[in-house]
Amino acid sequence: MPTINHNGLSVSVDDDGFLVDPGQWNDDVAMALATTEDIAELTEDHWKIMNYIRQYHAEFGVAPMVRKLCKETGFKLKEMYALFPSGPAKGACKVAGLEKPTGCV
């Protein structure tokens, strides 16, 4: 099973780089996962999106659709891709510690 190693932290991920055990997620794990998405630093904007995704997922059991994510966080889709180059489905969900989405977020 693949692992991500960052600043002395080691976490198991699946073949797509998503956490095997989402219960391991914390701020340090988010930083480690961000490096796999070519994100050098997690900004307040990154955290706003990830916190919304995590809250929505906790409430509904799925990640929000992109339109809802943009509307609720105030970010335009172009801004989402600037923050998470692989997109809100793959990148933001991965860094937020969620499982790989089955469809569009």
Protein backbone atom coordinates (compact mmCIF):
# COMPACT_ATOMS: atom_id res chain seq x y z
CA MET A 1 0.00 0.00 0.00
CA PRO A 2 1.42 3.42 -0.90
CA THR A 3 2.33 5.92 1.78
CA ILE A 4 2.95 9.65 1.88
CA ASN A 5 5.89 10.82 3.96
CA HIS A 6 6.14 14.50 4.87
CA ASN A 7 8.02 16.15 7.75
CA GLY A 8 8.27 12.89 9.70
CA LEU A 9 4.62 12.02 9.11
CA SER A 10 3.69 8.83 7.26
CA VAL A 11 0.11 8.04 6.17
CA SER A 12 -1.28 5.22 4.06
CA VAL A 13 -3.06 6.19 0.88
CA ASP A 14 -4.78 4.29 -1.91
CA ASP A 15 -3.45 4.11 -5.46
CA ASP A 16 -5.04 7.50 -6.23
CA GLY A 17 -3.48 9.18 -3.18
CA PHE A 18 -6.62 9.35 -1.02
CA LEU A 19 -6.38 8.44 2.67
CA VAL A 20 -7.03 4.79 3.41
CA ASP A 21 -8.28 5.74 6.89
CA PRO A 22 -10.06 9.13 6.82
CA GLY A 23 -10.01 9.04 10.63
CA GLN A 24 -6.29 9.82 10.47
CA TRP A 25 -6.95 13.23 8.95
CA ASN A 26 -5.73 16.31 10.79
CA ASP A 27 -4.01 19.57 9.87
CA ASP A 28 -0.61 17.89 9.46
CA VAL A 29 -2.05 15.16 7.25
CA ALA A 30 -3.77 17.86 5.16
CA MET A 31 -0.40 19.55 4.64
CA ALA A 32 1.17 16.23 3.60
CA LEU A 33 -1.67 15.52 1.16
CA ALA A 34 -1.42 19.06 -0.23
CA THR A 35 2.15 18.41 -1.33
CA THR A 36 0.86 15.62 -3.59
CA GLU A 37 -1.38 18.20 -5.30
CA ASP A 38 1.47 20.69 -5.91
CA ILE A 39 0.15 22.98 -3.18
CA ALA A 40 3.11 24.42 -1.32
CA GLU A 41 1.10 26.12 1.44
CA LEU A 42 -2.48 25.81 2.65
CA THR A 43 -4.00 29.27 2.87
CA GLU A 44 -7.11 30.50 4.65
CA ASP A 45 -8.96 30.06 1.34
CA HIS A 46 -7.89 26.40 1.11
CA TRP A 47 -9.10 25.81 4.67
CA LYS A 48 -12.43 27.54 4.01
CA ILE A 49 -13.13 25.16 1.12
CA MET A 50 -11.88 22.05 2.93
CA ASN A 51 -13.83 22.85 6.11
CA TYR A 52 -17.01 23.35 4.09
CA ILE A 53 -16.48 20.07 2.20
CA ARG A 54 -15.81 18.19 5.44
CA GLN A 55 -18.86 19.70 7.18
CA TYR A 56 -21.09 18.93 4.21
CA HIS A 57 -19.74 15.39 4.01
CA ALA A 58 -20.30 14.83 7.74
CA GLU A 59 -23.91 15.97 7.38
CA PHE A 60 -24.87 14.29 4.10
CA GLY A 61 -22.33 11.49 3.60
CA VAL A 62 -21.15 12.83 0.23
CA ALA A 63 -19.10 15.76 -1.00
CA PRO A 64 -21.09 18.76 -2.25
CA MET A 65 -21.70 19.34 -5.94
CA VAL A 66 -19.46 21.99 -7.48
CA ARG A 67 -22.25 24.51 -7.98
CA LYS A 68 -23.21 24.30 -4.29
CA LEU A 69 -19.57 24.43 -3.21
CA CYS A 70 -19.00 27.61 -5.21
CA LYS A 71 -22.23 29.22 -4.01
CA GLU A 72 -21.71 28.42 -0.33
CA THR A 73 -18.01 29.34 -0.16
CA GLY A 74 -18.18 32.36 -2.47
CA PHE A 75 -15.42 31.10 -4.76
CA LYS A 76 -15.81 30.98 -8.51
CA LEU A 77 -14.90 27.74 -10.26
CA LYS A 78 -11.80 29.35 -11.74
CA GLU A 79 -10.67 30.27 -8.22
CA MET A 80 -11.26 26.70 -7.04
CA TYR A 81 -8.94 25.43 -9.75
CA ALA A 82 -6.34 28.07 -8.83
CA LEU A 83 -6.39 26.77 -5.25
CA PHE A 84 -6.72 23.07 -6.12
CA PRO A 85 -5.21 22.56 -9.60
CA SER A 86 -6.68 19.07 -10.00
CA GLY A 87 -10.10 20.46 -9.08
CA PRO A 88 -12.55 20.45 -6.21
CA ALA A 89 -13.48 16.79 -6.72
CA LYS A 90 -10.03 15.28 -6.79
CA GLY A 91 -7.77 17.82 -5.14
CA ALA A 92 -9.93 19.47 -2.51
CA CYS A 93 -11.55 16.22 -1.39
CA LYS A 94 -8.17 14.48 -1.25
CA VAL A 95 -6.54 17.20 0.84
CA ALA A 96 -9.67 17.41 3.04
CA GLY A 97 -9.20 13.72 3.86
CA LEU A 98 -12.33 12.41 2.18
CA GLU A 99 -12.66 9.30 0.05
CA LYS A 100 -12.34 9.58 -3.69
CA PRO A 101 -15.61 11.00 -5.07
CA THR A 102 -17.51 8.70 -7.41
CA GLY A 103 -18.78 11.57 -9.57
CA CYS A 104 -18.53 15.31 -9.89
CA VAL A 105 -18.34 17.34 -6.72
